[in-house]
Amino acid sequence: MLSILIPVFNYDCSLLVRAVHSQVSALGIPFEILCFDDCSTSKSVNIKGLSELIHVKHQYMATNQGRSRIRNLLAATARYDNLLFLDCDSMPADNDFIKRYIDCIGSADCICGGTIYNDKSTIQRTQTLHWTYGTRREMKAARSQNSFMANNFFIKRNVFMDIGFDTDIQGYGHEDTIFGITLLSKGYGLLLIENPVFHLGLNNTDIFLDNTRSAVINLRKLYDNQSYKRVISSIRLVKIYNRLSILRIASVLRCLRPVLLPLLTHQLRSRHPYMLFLDLYKLLWFC
């Protein structure tokens, strides 16, 4: 019936696994929970303790597989026809999380449940940028039509195996973008429902900016690859860049990048980071 697949990297997913295990066990359906640790470097990550739970399997990768390949391995190993992918730093928002997905079987080929964040008072000051981006941009995007997010999605196994995550995309960022675009281009149905998980693993500002830069650089590589250029043309950052290129402004921004980046970084580290400045930060790296 259901394979719950959790790629693990440098985050203790014990509470997540116990939460979903309790929910799915109560439904009385065949299930398994697979946790693949992608060569975590943090000693605090220990998924061996989860082996006491029935139908829970864990596996450690000898070498880091990357965000795309680890998800493909989980799907290839799964026994059941329905797959639920959850990021390891997630937590279901309520006790009907699994049931809500089960009730939607047959409604679409792929279902995304969305993401929410805890109240700002619960986070550290150094996590302000990540929290602000998540609440103002990520949560809004999760409600947009045809928006795919890889941290919490339910999909038919045969559909996933037909698409898979692109293993040519290395590092952090946009493997989920390509997956979502490919899903829709092949005519598969995507359904967005209110079935969120809390995103718990907030990064400090410097790590968040590093990841943002990596994602933008990945997007630029896709843009420069003729095989992808047309595919990603609908992405907002790409649209803005194309307009600025026509106006010959992109080259000016490229020249100003050494001056502007330190100023933007300083503001984004503040208590009240502006999302417009984050947009400009992304644009400068894309240029």
Protein backbone atom coordinates (compact mmCIF):
# COMPACT_ATOMS: atom_id res chain seq x y z
CA MET A 1 0.00 0.00 0.00
CA LEU A 2 2.43 2.73 1.20
CA SER A 3 6.17 3.25 1.28
CA ILE A 4 7.27 6.26 3.34
CA LEU A 5 10.68 7.37 2.09
CA ILE A 6 12.98 9.63 4.11
CA PRO A 7 16.38 10.72 2.80
CA VAL A 8 18.52 11.59 5.82
CA PHE A 9 21.44 13.98 5.99
CA ASN A 10 22.78 15.60 9.15
CA TYR A 11 19.44 15.70 10.93
CA ASP A 12 17.96 13.38 13.55
CA CYS A 13 14.68 12.15 12.05
CA SER A 14 13.71 9.93 15.01
CA LEU A 15 10.72 12.03 16.06
CA LEU A 16 9.47 12.23 12.46
CA VAL A 17 9.72 8.48 11.96
CA ARG A 18 7.93 7.73 15.23
CA ALA A 19 5.18 10.21 14.38
CA VAL A 20 4.42 8.81 10.93
CA HIS A 21 4.86 5.24 12.17
CA SER A 22 2.18 5.82 14.80
CA GLN A 23 -0.20 7.36 12.28
CA VAL A 24 0.17 4.74 9.57
CA SER A 25 0.05 1.85 12.06
CA ALA A 26 -3.31 3.12 13.33
CA LEU A 27 -4.72 2.89 9.79
CA GLY A 28 -4.08 -0.85 9.59
CA ILE A 29 -2.64 -0.78 6.06
CA PRO A 30 0.50 -2.48 4.68
CA PHE A 31 3.42 -0.06 4.91
CA GLU A 32 7.13 0.39 5.24
CA ILE A 33 9.33 3.29 6.27
CA LEU A 34 12.73 3.51 4.60
CA CYS A 35 15.41 5.83 6.00
CA PHE A 36 18.55 6.15 3.88
CA ASP A 37 21.32 8.14 5.53
CA ASP A 38 23.31 9.86 2.80
CA CYS A 39 26.68 9.68 4.55
CA SER A 40 25.86 12.19 7.31
CA THR A 41 28.84 13.97 8.83
CA SER A 42 27.06 14.88 12.08
CA LYS A 43 27.58 12.42 14.95
CA SER A 44 24.19 13.37 16.39
CA VAL A 45 22.43 11.50 13.58
CA ASN A 46 21.67 7.93 14.64
CA ILE A 47 18.87 6.07 12.88
CA LYS A 48 19.82 2.63 14.20
CA GLY A 49 17.54 3.15 17.19
CA LEU A 50 14.56 3.12 14.86
CA SER A 51 15.02 -0.58 14.08
CA GLU A 52 12.87 -1.44 17.12
CA LEU A 53 9.84 -0.23 15.13
CA ILE A 54 8.23 -2.81 12.86
CA HIS A 55 8.37 -2.17 9.11
CA VAL A 56 11.10 0.45 9.54
CA LYS A 57 14.33 -0.09 7.63
CA HIS A 58 17.46 2.01 7.70
CA GLN A 59 20.51 2.02 5.49
CA TYR A 60 23.74 4.00 5.52
CA MET A 61 25.35 5.08 2.27
CA ALA A 62 29.10 4.48 2.09
CA THR A 63 29.50 7.64 0.01
CA ASN A 64 27.33 10.72 -0.42
CA GLN A 65 24.84 10.10 -3.22
CA GLY A 66 23.41 13.60 -3.51
CA ARG A 67 19.87 14.91 -3.32
CA SER A 68 18.68 13.36 -6.59
CA ARG A 69 20.29 9.94 -6.47
CA ILE A 70 19.31 9.21 -2.84
CA ARG A 71 15.63 9.80 -3.67
CA ASN A 72 15.88 7.61 -6.75
CA LEU A 73 17.45 4.83 -4.66
CA LEU A 74 14.66 5.05 -2.10
CA ALA A 75 12.01 4.76 -4.80
CA ALA A 76 13.79 1.86 -6.49
CA THR A 77 13.97 0.01 -3.16
CA ALA A 78 10.35 0.66 -2.17
CA ARG A 79 7.96 -2.30 -2.12
CA TYR A 80 4.62 -0.57 -2.53
CA ASP A 81 2.80 1.28 -5.32
CA ASN A 82 2.30 4.52 -3.37
CA LEU A 83 5.28 6.58 -2.25
CA LEU A 84 5.37 9.36 0.34
CA PHE A 85 8.59 11.39 0.35
CA LEU A 86 9.38 13.43 3.45
CA ASP A 87 12.46 15.50 4.21
CA CYS A 88 14.18 14.40 7.40
CA ASP A 89 13.72 17.82 9.06
CA SER A 90 9.93 17.70 8.72
CA MET A 91 7.11 17.00 11.16
CA PRO A 92 3.42 16.42 10.29
CA ALA A 93 1.22 19.31 11.34
CA ASP A 94 -1.51 17.04 12.74
CA ASN A 95 -2.44 13.43 13.46
CA ASP A 96 -4.44 12.97 10.24
CA PHE A 97 -1.46 13.62 7.99
CA ILE A 98 -1.09 10.09 6.62
CA LYS A 99 -4.84 9.46 6.46
CA ARG A 100 -5.36 12.61 4.42
CA TYR A 101 -2.97 11.32 1.75
CA ILE A 102 -4.53 7.84 1.78
CA ASP A 103 -7.97 9.37 1.28
CA CYS A 104 -6.66 11.16 -1.82
CA ILE A 105 -5.39 8.05 -3.59
CA GLY A 106 -6.73 8.09 -7.13
CA SER A 107 -7.24 11.87 -7.15
CA ALA A 108 -3.97 12.62 -8.97
CA ASP A 109 -0.68 11.09 -10.01
CA CYS A 110 1.22 13.31 -7.58
CA ILE A 111 0.00 15.20 -4.51
CA CYS A 112 1.87 17.91 -2.61
CA GLY A 113 0.84 18.77 0.93
CA GLY A 114 2.80 21.96 1.54
CA THR A 115 5.02 23.41 4.24
CA ILE A 116 4.49 25.59 7.28
CA TYR A 117 6.81 27.11 9.88
CA ASN A 118 6.68 27.54 13.63
CA ASP A 119 6.11 30.96 15.14
CA LYS A 120 9.00 33.41 14.83
CA SER A 121 9.37 33.50 18.62
CA THR A 122 10.62 29.90 18.54
CA ILE A 123 13.58 30.49 16.22
CA GLN A 124 17.06 31.81 16.81
CA ARG A 125 17.97 35.27 15.54
CA THR A 126 20.52 33.77 13.14
CA GLN A 127 17.68 31.83 11.46
CA THR A 128 15.62 34.93 10.69
CA LEU A 129 16.37 35.04 6.96
CA HIS A 130 15.46 31.38 6.41
CA TRP A 131 12.25 31.78 8.44
CA THR A 132 11.30 34.98 6.59
CA TYR A 133 11.87 33.38 3.20
CA GLY A 134 9.94 30.29 4.24
CA THR A 135 6.90 32.13 5.54
CA ARG A 136 6.74 34.81 2.84
CA ARG A 137 7.84 32.91 -0.24
CA GLU A 138 7.93 29.16 0.26
CA MET A 139 4.52 28.83 1.92
CA LYS A 140 2.98 31.05 -0.75
CA ALA A 141 4.60 29.04 -3.55
CA ALA A 142 3.29 25.81 -2.04
CA ARG A 143 -0.26 27.06 -2.61
CA SER A 144 0.33 28.09 -6.21
CA GLN A 145 -1.20 26.06 -9.00
CA ASN A 146 1.17 23.49 -10.52
CA SER A 147 3.78 24.12 -7.82
CA PHE A 148 5.82 21.03 -6.93
CA MET A 149 7.83 20.81 -3.71
CA ALA A 150 9.97 17.79 -2.93
CA ASN A 151 9.94 17.98 0.87
CA ASN A 152 6.42 16.52 1.25
CA PHE A 153 4.84 14.75 -1.69
CA PHE A 154 2.80 11.62 -2.41
CA ILE A 155 3.23 9.94 -5.78
CA LYS A 156 2.45 6.71 -7.62
CA ARG A 157 5.58 4.59 -7.84
CA ASN A 158 5.26 3.98 -11.59
CA VAL A 159 5.01 7.74 -12.17
CA PHE A 160 8.11 8.43 -10.11
CA MET A 161 10.07 5.70 -11.89
CA ASP A 162 9.08 7.22 -15.23
CA ILE A 163 10.49 10.60 -14.23
CA GLY A 164 13.03 10.28 -11.42
CA PHE A 165 15.24 13.06 -10.15
CA ASP A 166 17.89 14.21 -12.60
CA THR A 167 21.23 12.95 -11.28
CA ASP A 168 23.13 15.30 -13.59
CA ILE A 169 22.10 18.13 -11.26
CA GLN A 170 24.80 18.16 -8.60
CA GLY A 171 25.01 20.08 -5.35
CA TYR A 172 22.13 22.02 -3.84
CA GLY A 173 19.11 23.22 -5.72
CA HIS A 174 16.58 22.87 -8.54
CA GLU A 175 16.47 19.11 -8.92
CA ASP A 176 12.91 19.46 -7.63
CA THR A 177 12.19 22.24 -10.16
CA ILE A 178 13.12 19.98 -13.06
CA PHE A 179 11.15 17.08 -11.57
CA GLY A 180 8.01 19.20 -11.29
CA ILE A 181 8.33 20.62 -14.79
CA THR A 182 8.90 17.14 -16.24
CA LEU A 183 5.94 15.76 -14.31
CA LEU A 184 3.59 18.30 -15.86
CA SER A 185 5.14 18.16 -19.33
CA LYS A 186 4.47 14.42 -19.45
CA GLY A 187 0.81 15.03 -18.73
CA TYR A 188 0.71 13.69 -15.17
CA GLY A 189 -1.77 15.24 -12.77
CA LEU A 190 -0.53 17.33 -9.85
CA LEU A 191 -2.82 18.09 -6.92
CA LEU A 192 -2.10 20.56 -4.11
CA ILE A 193 -3.85 19.91 -0.79
CA GLU A 194 -3.70 21.37 2.70
CA ASN A 195 -1.64 18.65 4.38
CA PRO A 196 1.50 20.43 5.53
CA VAL A 197 4.57 19.49 7.48
CA PHE A 198 6.48 21.84 9.73
CA HIS A 199 9.92 22.68 8.38
CA LEU A 200 12.09 22.34 11.47
CA GLY A 201 15.66 22.39 10.17
CA LEU A 202 16.18 26.11 9.68
CA ASN A 203 19.68 27.18 8.67
CA ASN A 204 21.55 30.20 9.91
CA THR A 205 21.82 33.08 7.47
CA ASP A 206 25.30 32.27 6.16
CA ILE A 207 24.40 28.65 5.38
CA PHE A 208 21.10 29.74 3.87
CA LEU A 209 22.90 32.23 1.60
CA ASP A 210 25.45 29.57 0.64
CA ASN A 211 22.62 27.22 -0.32
CA THR A 212 20.84 30.01 -2.19
CA ARG A 213 23.98 30.79 -4.16
CA SER A 214 24.47 27.09 -4.96
CA ALA A 215 20.86 26.80 -6.16
CA VAL A 216 21.22 29.87 -8.38
CA ILE A 217 24.49 28.61 -9.84
CA ASN A 218 22.77 25.29 -10.59
CA LEU A 219 19.95 27.18 -12.28
CA ARG A 220 22.46 29.11 -14.37
CA LYS A 221 24.10 25.86 -15.47
CA LEU A 222 20.70 24.59 -16.56
CA TYR A 223 20.08 27.85 -18.40
CA ASP A 224 23.39 27.53 -20.26
CA ASN A 225 22.53 23.95 -21.23
CA GLN A 226 20.44 23.99 -24.40
CA SER A 227 18.63 20.85 -23.24
CA TYR A 228 17.16 22.73 -20.28
CA LYS A 229 17.06 26.37 -21.38
CA ARG A 230 13.55 26.18 -22.77
CA VAL A 231 12.33 23.98 -19.93
CA ILE A 232 13.20 26.53 -17.24
CA SER A 233 12.07 29.59 -19.20
CA SER A 234 8.96 29.96 -17.02
CA ILE A 235 10.95 30.39 -13.78
CA ARG A 236 10.61 33.93 -12.42
CA LEU A 237 14.35 34.55 -12.00
CA VAL A 238 15.01 33.40 -15.56
CA LYS A 239 12.24 35.64 -16.91
CA ILE A 240 13.68 38.68 -15.12
CA TYR A 241 17.18 37.92 -16.36
CA ASN A 242 15.98 37.58 -19.95
CA ARG A 243 14.22 40.94 -19.79
CA LEU A 244 17.27 42.64 -18.31
CA SER A 245 19.50 41.06 -20.94
CA ILE A 246 17.36 42.53 -23.70
CA LEU A 247 17.72 45.94 -22.05
CA ARG A 248 21.47 45.30 -21.58
CA ILE A 249 21.15 45.77 -17.84
CA ALA A 250 22.30 42.26 -16.90
CA SER A 251 25.88 43.04 -17.93
CA VAL A 252 25.84 46.17 -15.76
CA LEU A 253 24.68 44.17 -12.74
CA ARG A 254 27.43 41.66 -13.38
CA CYS A 255 30.00 44.46 -13.13
CA LEU A 256 28.42 45.82 -9.96
CA ARG A 257 28.28 42.44 -8.22
CA PRO A 258 31.52 42.89 -6.16
CA VAL A 259 30.15 46.15 -4.77
CA LEU A 260 26.51 45.13 -4.22
CA LEU A 261 26.93 41.64 -2.75
CA PRO A 262 28.57 42.76 0.53
CA LEU A 263 25.86 45.40 1.04
CA LEU A 264 23.06 42.93 0.38
CA THR A 265 24.63 40.29 2.62
CA HIS A 266 24.88 42.79 5.47
CA GLN A 267 21.20 43.67 5.21
CA LEU A 268 20.08 40.04 4.87
CA ARG A 269 21.90 39.22 8.12
CA SER A 270 19.83 41.79 9.99
CA ARG A 271 16.74 41.27 12.16
CA HIS A 272 14.49 42.40 9.31
CA PRO A 273 15.80 41.01 6.01
CA TYR A 274 14.10 42.32 2.87
CA MET A 275 13.00 39.73 0.36
CA LEU A 276 13.56 42.22 -2.45
CA PHE A 277 17.24 42.26 -1.47
CA LEU A 278 17.30 38.46 -1.53
CA ASP A 279 15.84 38.59 -5.04
CA LEU A 280 18.61 40.97 -6.08
CA TYR A 281 21.19 38.69 -4.41
CA LYS A 282 19.94 35.80 -6.54
CA LEU A 283 19.90 37.91 -9.69
CA LEU A 284 23.50 39.05 -9.18
CA TRP A 285 24.68 35.45 -8.92
CA PHE A 286 22.61 34.40 -11.92
CA CYS A 287 24.12 37.18 -14.02
